[in-house]
Amino acid sequence: MDRQTLRDWVHRYNAEGLVGLSDRQGAVGPKRRLSPEQEAEVAEWVRRGPDLAEHGVVRWRRADLARVIEARFGVVLAERSVGDVLRRLGFRRLVARPRHPGHDAAAQASFRQALPPS
């Protein structure tokens, strides 16, 4: 046990008795910068997608959302924080897999059939 922890416990016991030694429910980490209502509005933006005329983009990036959040709510969020908000709201980053412009679906299917079973 760390010496500082023991010292804190002794001070809490001296000040509050046995009640002072019980686990305390406290906020862990910094407070959220967006209210639940604001987060719900951000979720609605993401579901609807950006409007090219209004937002100037055709798909949302974290940097774009950070800019719109700052303009709408006056809250400055880093791109990473925007990503944390999106994960908390249940969104995941989806990226389309690239396709070669000259791909041949029939050749790929015959190649798969020619492979020995694993």
N, C-alpha and C. Protein backbone atom coordinates (compact mmCIF):
# COMPACT_ATOMS: atom_id res chain seq x y z
N MET A 1 0.85 -1.18 0.00
CA MET A 1 0.00 0.00 0.00
C MET A 1 0.89 1.23 0.00
N ASP A 2 0.45 2.20 -0.75
CA ASP A 2 1.19 3.44 -0.87
C ASP A 2 1.03 4.25 0.42
N ARG A 3 2.08 4.92 0.79
CA ARG A 3 2.08 5.71 2.02
C ARG A 3 1.04 6.84 1.96
N GLN A 4 0.90 7.46 0.79
CA GLN A 4 -0.06 8.55 0.63
C GLN A 4 -1.49 8.05 0.79
N THR A 5 -1.78 6.84 0.27
CA THR A 5 -3.12 6.27 0.41
C THR A 5 -3.45 6.04 1.87
N LEU A 6 -2.50 5.48 2.61
CA LEU A 6 -2.71 5.24 4.04
C LEU A 6 -2.94 6.57 4.77
N ARG A 7 -2.17 7.56 4.43
CA ARG A 7 -2.32 8.88 5.06
C ARG A 7 -3.72 9.45 4.79
N ASP A 8 -4.18 9.32 3.51
CA ASP A 8 -5.51 9.82 3.17
C ASP A 8 -6.58 9.10 3.97
N TRP A 9 -6.45 7.78 4.11
CA TRP A 9 -7.43 7.00 4.87
C TRP A 9 -7.47 7.43 6.34
N VAL A 10 -6.29 7.66 6.91
CA VAL A 10 -6.23 8.08 8.31
C VAL A 10 -6.92 9.43 8.47
N HIS A 11 -6.64 10.36 7.58
CA HIS A 11 -7.28 11.68 7.67
C HIS A 11 -8.79 11.57 7.50
N ARG A 12 -9.25 10.73 6.57
CA ARG A 12 -10.69 10.56 6.37
C ARG A 12 -11.33 9.91 7.60
N TYR A 13 -10.63 8.94 8.21
CA TYR A 13 -11.17 8.29 9.41
C TYR A 13 -11.25 9.29 10.56
N ASN A 14 -10.19 10.08 10.73
CA ASN A 14 -10.19 11.07 11.81
C ASN A 14 -11.28 12.12 11.62
N ALA A 15 -11.56 12.49 10.39
CA ALA A 15 -12.55 13.52 10.12
C ALA A 15 -13.98 12.99 10.16
N GLU A 16 -14.21 11.76 9.64
CA GLU A 16 -15.57 11.27 9.45
C GLU A 16 -15.87 9.95 10.14
N GLY A 17 -14.87 9.34 10.77
CA GLY A 17 -15.10 8.03 11.39
C GLY A 17 -15.14 6.93 10.33
N LEU A 18 -15.84 5.82 10.64
CA LEU A 18 -15.91 4.69 9.71
C LEU A 18 -16.58 5.06 8.38
N VAL A 19 -17.52 6.00 8.44
CA VAL A 19 -18.20 6.42 7.21
C VAL A 19 -17.20 6.99 6.21
N GLY A 20 -16.16 7.64 6.69
CA GLY A 20 -15.16 8.24 5.82
C GLY A 20 -14.34 7.22 5.05
N LEU A 21 -14.35 5.95 5.50
CA LEU A 21 -13.57 4.93 4.82
C LEU A 21 -14.37 4.21 3.73
N SER A 22 -15.66 4.46 3.65
CA SER A 22 -16.47 3.79 2.62
C SER A 22 -16.11 4.36 1.24
N ASP A 23 -16.38 3.55 0.23
CA ASP A 23 -16.10 3.99 -1.14
C ASP A 23 -16.92 5.22 -1.47
N ARG A 24 -16.30 6.14 -2.15
CA ARG A 24 -16.99 7.36 -2.54
C ARG A 24 -17.27 7.32 -4.03
N GLN A 25 -18.45 7.77 -4.37
CA GLN A 25 -18.81 7.87 -5.78
C GLN A 25 -18.42 9.26 -6.25
N GLY A 26 -17.47 9.30 -7.12
CA GLY A 26 -17.03 10.58 -7.64
C GLY A 26 -16.91 10.52 -9.15
N ALA A 27 -16.89 11.67 -9.73
CA ALA A 27 -16.74 11.74 -11.18
C ALA A 27 -15.31 11.36 -11.54
N VAL A 28 -15.18 10.46 -12.49
CA VAL A 28 -13.87 10.04 -12.94
C VAL A 28 -13.64 10.68 -14.31
N GLY A 29 -12.58 11.40 -14.43
CA GLY A 29 -12.27 12.04 -15.70
C GLY A 29 -12.95 13.39 -15.82
N PRO A 30 -12.65 14.07 -16.90
CA PRO A 30 -13.23 15.40 -17.10
C PRO A 30 -14.71 15.33 -17.44
N LYS A 31 -15.42 16.42 -17.17
CA LYS A 31 -16.84 16.48 -17.50
C LYS A 31 -17.00 16.53 -19.02
N ARG A 32 -18.13 16.06 -19.47
CA ARG A 32 -18.40 16.09 -20.90
C ARG A 32 -18.62 17.52 -21.35
N ARG A 33 -18.11 17.82 -22.52
CA ARG A 33 -18.20 19.19 -23.03
C ARG A 33 -19.55 19.46 -23.69
N LEU A 34 -20.22 18.40 -24.16
CA LEU A 34 -21.53 18.55 -24.80
C LEU A 34 -22.60 17.99 -23.88
N SER A 35 -23.72 18.67 -23.80
CA SER A 35 -24.85 18.18 -23.01
C SER A 35 -25.50 17.01 -23.75
N PRO A 36 -26.32 16.21 -23.05
CA PRO A 36 -27.01 15.11 -23.73
C PRO A 36 -27.87 15.59 -24.90
N GLU A 37 -28.49 16.77 -24.77
CA GLU A 37 -29.29 17.31 -25.86
C GLU A 37 -28.42 17.64 -27.07
N GLN A 38 -27.25 18.22 -26.81
CA GLN A 38 -26.34 18.56 -27.90
C GLN A 38 -25.82 17.29 -28.57
N GLU A 39 -25.50 16.26 -27.77
CA GLU A 39 -25.04 15.00 -28.34
C GLU A 39 -26.13 14.37 -29.21
N ALA A 40 -27.39 14.48 -28.77
CA ALA A 40 -28.50 13.94 -29.57
C ALA A 40 -28.60 14.68 -30.90
N GLU A 41 -28.36 15.98 -30.87
CA GLU A 41 -28.40 16.76 -32.11
C GLU A 41 -27.26 16.36 -33.04
N VAL A 42 -26.08 16.13 -32.48
CA VAL A 42 -24.94 15.67 -33.29
C VAL A 42 -25.27 14.31 -33.91
N ALA A 43 -25.89 13.42 -33.14
CA ALA A 43 -26.26 12.10 -33.66
C ALA A 43 -27.23 12.25 -34.83
N GLU A 44 -28.15 13.19 -34.72
CA GLU A 44 -29.10 13.41 -35.82
C GLU A 44 -28.39 13.94 -37.06
N TRP A 45 -27.40 14.82 -36.88
CA TRP A 45 -26.62 15.31 -38.02
C TRP A 45 -25.94 14.15 -38.74
N VAL A 46 -25.34 13.26 -37.94
CA VAL A 46 -24.60 12.15 -38.54
C VAL A 46 -25.55 11.22 -39.28
N ARG A 47 -26.72 10.96 -38.69
CA ARG A 47 -27.70 10.09 -39.36
C ARG A 47 -28.18 10.70 -40.68
N ARG A 48 -28.44 12.00 -40.68
CA ARG A 48 -28.93 12.68 -41.89
C ARG A 48 -27.83 12.83 -42.94
N GLY A 49 -26.61 13.01 -42.48
CA GLY A 49 -25.51 13.29 -43.41
C GLY A 49 -25.40 14.78 -43.66
N PRO A 50 -24.26 15.21 -44.17
CA PRO A 50 -24.07 16.65 -44.39
C PRO A 50 -24.83 17.14 -45.62
N ASP A 51 -25.15 18.42 -45.60
CA ASP A 51 -25.75 19.09 -46.74
C ASP A 51 -24.63 19.88 -47.42
N LEU A 52 -24.39 19.58 -48.68
CA LEU A 52 -23.28 20.21 -49.39
C LEU A 52 -23.41 21.73 -49.38
N ALA A 53 -24.61 22.24 -49.57
CA ALA A 53 -24.80 23.69 -49.61
C ALA A 53 -24.56 24.32 -48.24
N GLU A 54 -24.99 23.65 -47.19
CA GLU A 54 -24.88 24.22 -45.84
C GLU A 54 -23.51 23.97 -45.21
N HIS A 55 -23.02 22.73 -45.31
CA HIS A 55 -21.79 22.35 -44.61
C HIS A 55 -20.56 22.35 -45.50
N GLY A 56 -20.76 22.30 -46.82
CA GLY A 56 -19.62 22.34 -47.73
C GLY A 56 -18.88 21.03 -47.88
N VAL A 57 -19.45 19.93 -47.40
CA VAL A 57 -18.82 18.61 -47.52
C VAL A 57 -19.88 17.60 -47.95
N VAL A 58 -19.41 16.48 -48.52
CA VAL A 58 -20.35 15.45 -48.97
C VAL A 58 -20.42 14.27 -48.00
N ARG A 59 -19.44 14.16 -47.11
CA ARG A 59 -19.50 13.14 -46.05
C ARG A 59 -18.80 13.70 -44.82
N TRP A 60 -19.25 13.25 -43.65
CA TRP A 60 -18.69 13.78 -42.41
C TRP A 60 -17.32 13.19 -42.14
N ARG A 61 -16.42 14.06 -41.74
CA ARG A 61 -15.15 13.67 -41.12
C ARG A 61 -15.17 14.27 -39.73
N ARG A 62 -14.32 13.77 -38.86
CA ARG A 62 -14.29 14.31 -37.50
C ARG A 62 -13.94 15.80 -37.50
N ALA A 63 -13.04 16.21 -38.38
CA ALA A 63 -12.66 17.62 -38.46
C ALA A 63 -13.86 18.48 -38.86
N ASP A 64 -14.67 17.97 -39.79
CA ASP A 64 -15.86 18.72 -40.23
C ASP A 64 -16.86 18.85 -39.09
N LEU A 65 -17.09 17.75 -38.38
CA LEU A 65 -18.02 17.78 -37.26
C LEU A 65 -17.53 18.71 -36.16
N ALA A 66 -16.21 18.71 -35.90
CA ALA A 66 -15.66 19.61 -34.88
C ALA A 66 -15.93 21.06 -35.26
N ARG A 67 -15.78 21.39 -36.54
CA ARG A 67 -16.03 22.75 -37.01
C ARG A 67 -17.50 23.13 -36.85
N VAL A 68 -18.41 22.22 -37.19
CA VAL A 68 -19.84 22.51 -37.09
C VAL A 68 -20.26 22.60 -35.63
N ILE A 69 -19.70 21.74 -34.77
CA ILE A 69 -20.02 21.78 -33.34
C ILE A 69 -19.58 23.12 -32.75
N GLU A 70 -18.40 23.58 -33.14
CA GLU A 70 -17.92 24.87 -32.63
C GLU A 70 -18.82 26.01 -33.11
N ALA A 71 -19.23 25.97 -34.37
CA ALA A 71 -20.08 27.03 -34.91
C ALA A 71 -21.46 27.02 -34.27
N ARG A 72 -22.01 25.84 -34.03
CA ARG A 72 -23.39 25.72 -33.53
C ARG A 72 -23.47 25.91 -32.02
N PHE A 73 -22.56 25.26 -31.28
CA PHE A 73 -22.64 25.25 -29.82
C PHE A 73 -21.59 26.12 -29.14
N GLY A 74 -20.58 26.56 -29.86
CA GLY A 74 -19.51 27.34 -29.25
C GLY A 74 -18.58 26.50 -28.40
N VAL A 75 -18.55 25.20 -28.65
CA VAL A 75 -17.70 24.27 -27.89
C VAL A 75 -16.59 23.79 -28.82
N VAL A 76 -15.35 24.01 -28.39
CA VAL A 76 -14.20 23.58 -29.19
C VAL A 76 -13.84 22.16 -28.78
N LEU A 77 -13.89 21.23 -29.74
CA LEU A 77 -13.53 19.84 -29.49
C LEU A 77 -12.41 19.44 -30.45
N ALA A 78 -11.46 18.69 -29.93
CA ALA A 78 -10.43 18.12 -30.79
C ALA A 78 -11.04 17.00 -31.62
N GLU A 79 -10.39 16.65 -32.72
CA GLU A 79 -10.91 15.57 -33.56
C GLU A 79 -11.05 14.28 -32.76
N ARG A 80 -10.10 14.01 -31.91
CA ARG A 80 -10.16 12.79 -31.10
C ARG A 80 -11.39 12.81 -30.19
N SER A 81 -11.69 13.96 -29.61
CA SER A 81 -12.86 14.08 -28.75
C SER A 81 -14.15 13.88 -29.54
N VAL A 82 -14.17 14.37 -30.77
CA VAL A 82 -15.34 14.14 -31.63
C VAL A 82 -15.50 12.64 -31.87
N GLY A 83 -14.38 11.95 -32.09
CA GLY A 83 -14.42 10.50 -32.26
C GLY A 83 -14.95 9.80 -31.02
N ASP A 84 -14.56 10.28 -29.84
CA ASP A 84 -15.07 9.70 -28.59
C ASP A 84 -16.58 9.89 -28.49
N VAL A 85 -17.06 11.07 -28.85
CA VAL A 85 -18.50 11.35 -28.81
C VAL A 85 -19.23 10.41 -29.77
N LEU A 86 -18.69 10.26 -30.97
CA LEU A 86 -19.34 9.39 -31.96
C LEU A 86 -19.38 7.94 -31.50
N ARG A 87 -18.30 7.45 -30.90
CA ARG A 87 -18.29 6.08 -30.37
C ARG A 87 -19.31 5.93 -29.26
N ARG A 88 -19.38 6.92 -28.39
CA ARG A 88 -20.34 6.87 -27.28
C ARG A 88 -21.78 6.85 -27.81
N LEU A 89 -22.01 7.51 -28.95
CA LEU A 89 -23.34 7.54 -29.56
C LEU A 89 -23.64 6.30 -30.39
N GLY A 90 -22.65 5.40 -30.50
CA GLY A 90 -22.88 4.14 -31.20
C GLY A 90 -22.48 4.15 -32.66
N PHE A 91 -21.78 5.17 -33.12
CA PHE A 91 -21.35 5.22 -34.51
C PHE A 91 -19.96 4.62 -34.63
N ARG A 92 -19.71 3.97 -35.76
CA ARG A 92 -18.41 3.38 -36.04
C ARG A 92 -17.90 3.93 -37.36
N ARG A 93 -16.61 3.97 -37.49
CA ARG A 93 -16.01 4.47 -38.72
C ARG A 93 -16.10 3.39 -39.78
N LEU A 94 -16.76 3.70 -40.86
CA LEU A 94 -16.89 2.76 -41.97
C LEU A 94 -16.19 3.35 -43.18
N VAL A 95 -15.32 2.56 -43.77
CA VAL A 95 -14.60 2.99 -44.95
C VAL A 95 -14.78 1.92 -46.01
N ALA A 96 -15.16 2.34 -47.19
CA ALA A 96 -15.34 1.38 -48.28
C ALA A 96 -14.00 0.79 -48.68
N ARG A 97 -14.00 -0.50 -48.96
CA ARG A 97 -12.77 -1.14 -49.42
C ARG A 97 -12.51 -0.72 -50.86
N PRO A 98 -11.28 -0.37 -51.17
CA PRO A 98 -10.99 0.08 -52.53
C PRO A 98 -11.08 -1.07 -53.54
N ARG A 99 -11.43 -0.74 -54.75
CA ARG A 99 -11.51 -1.71 -55.82
C ARG A 99 -10.68 -1.23 -56.98
N HIS A 100 -9.93 -2.14 -57.55
CA HIS A 100 -9.14 -1.78 -58.71
C HIS A 100 -10.08 -1.51 -59.88
N PRO A 101 -9.83 -0.45 -60.65
CA PRO A 101 -10.76 -0.14 -61.73
C PRO A 101 -10.84 -1.23 -62.80
N GLY A 102 -9.82 -2.06 -62.91
CA GLY A 102 -9.84 -3.11 -63.93
C GLY A 102 -10.13 -4.49 -63.36
N HIS A 103 -10.80 -4.55 -62.22
CA HIS A 103 -11.05 -5.87 -61.62
C HIS A 103 -12.02 -6.67 -62.48
N ASP A 104 -11.87 -7.99 -62.42
CA ASP A 104 -12.73 -8.88 -63.20
C ASP A 104 -13.36 -9.87 -62.23
N ALA A 105 -14.65 -9.73 -61.98
CA ALA A 105 -15.35 -10.58 -61.01
C ALA A 105 -15.31 -12.04 -61.43
N ALA A 106 -15.43 -12.33 -62.71
CA ALA A 106 -15.42 -13.72 -63.19
C ALA A 106 -14.06 -14.36 -62.95
N ALA A 107 -12.99 -13.62 -63.21
CA ALA A 107 -11.64 -14.15 -62.99
C ALA A 107 -11.41 -14.40 -61.50
N GLN A 108 -11.91 -13.53 -60.64
CA GLN A 108 -11.76 -13.73 -59.20
C GLN A 108 -12.51 -14.98 -58.76
N ALA A 109 -13.71 -15.19 -59.28
CA ALA A 109 -14.50 -16.37 -58.90
C ALA A 109 -13.81 -17.65 -59.36
N SER A 110 -13.27 -17.67 -60.58
CA SER A 110 -12.59 -18.88 -61.05
C SER A 110 -11.32 -19.12 -60.25
N PHE A 111 -10.64 -18.06 -59.84
CA PHE A 111 -9.44 -18.22 -59.01
C PHE A 111 -9.79 -18.85 -57.67
N ARG A 112 -10.88 -18.38 -57.06
CA ARG A 112 -11.29 -18.94 -55.77
C ARG A 112 -11.65 -20.42 -55.90
N GLN A 113 -12.29 -20.80 -57.00
CA GLN A 113 -12.68 -22.19 -57.20
C GLN A 113 -11.47 -23.07 -57.45
N ALA A 114 -10.42 -22.51 -58.05
CA ALA A 114 -9.22 -23.28 -58.36
C ALA A 114 -8.34 -23.50 -57.14
N LEU A 115 -8.57 -22.77 -56.07
CA LEU A 115 -7.75 -22.93 -54.86
C LEU A 115 -8.02 -24.28 -54.22
N PRO A 116 -6.98 -24.93 -53.71
CA PRO A 116 -7.21 -26.19 -53.00
C PRO A 116 -7.92 -25.91 -51.67
N PRO A 117 -8.74 -26.85 -51.20
CA PRO A 117 -9.44 -26.63 -49.92
C PRO A 117 -8.44 -26.50 -48.78
N SER A 118 -8.75 -25.65 -47.86
CA SER A 118 -7.83 -25.43 -46.74
C SER A 118 -8.13 -26.31 -45.57
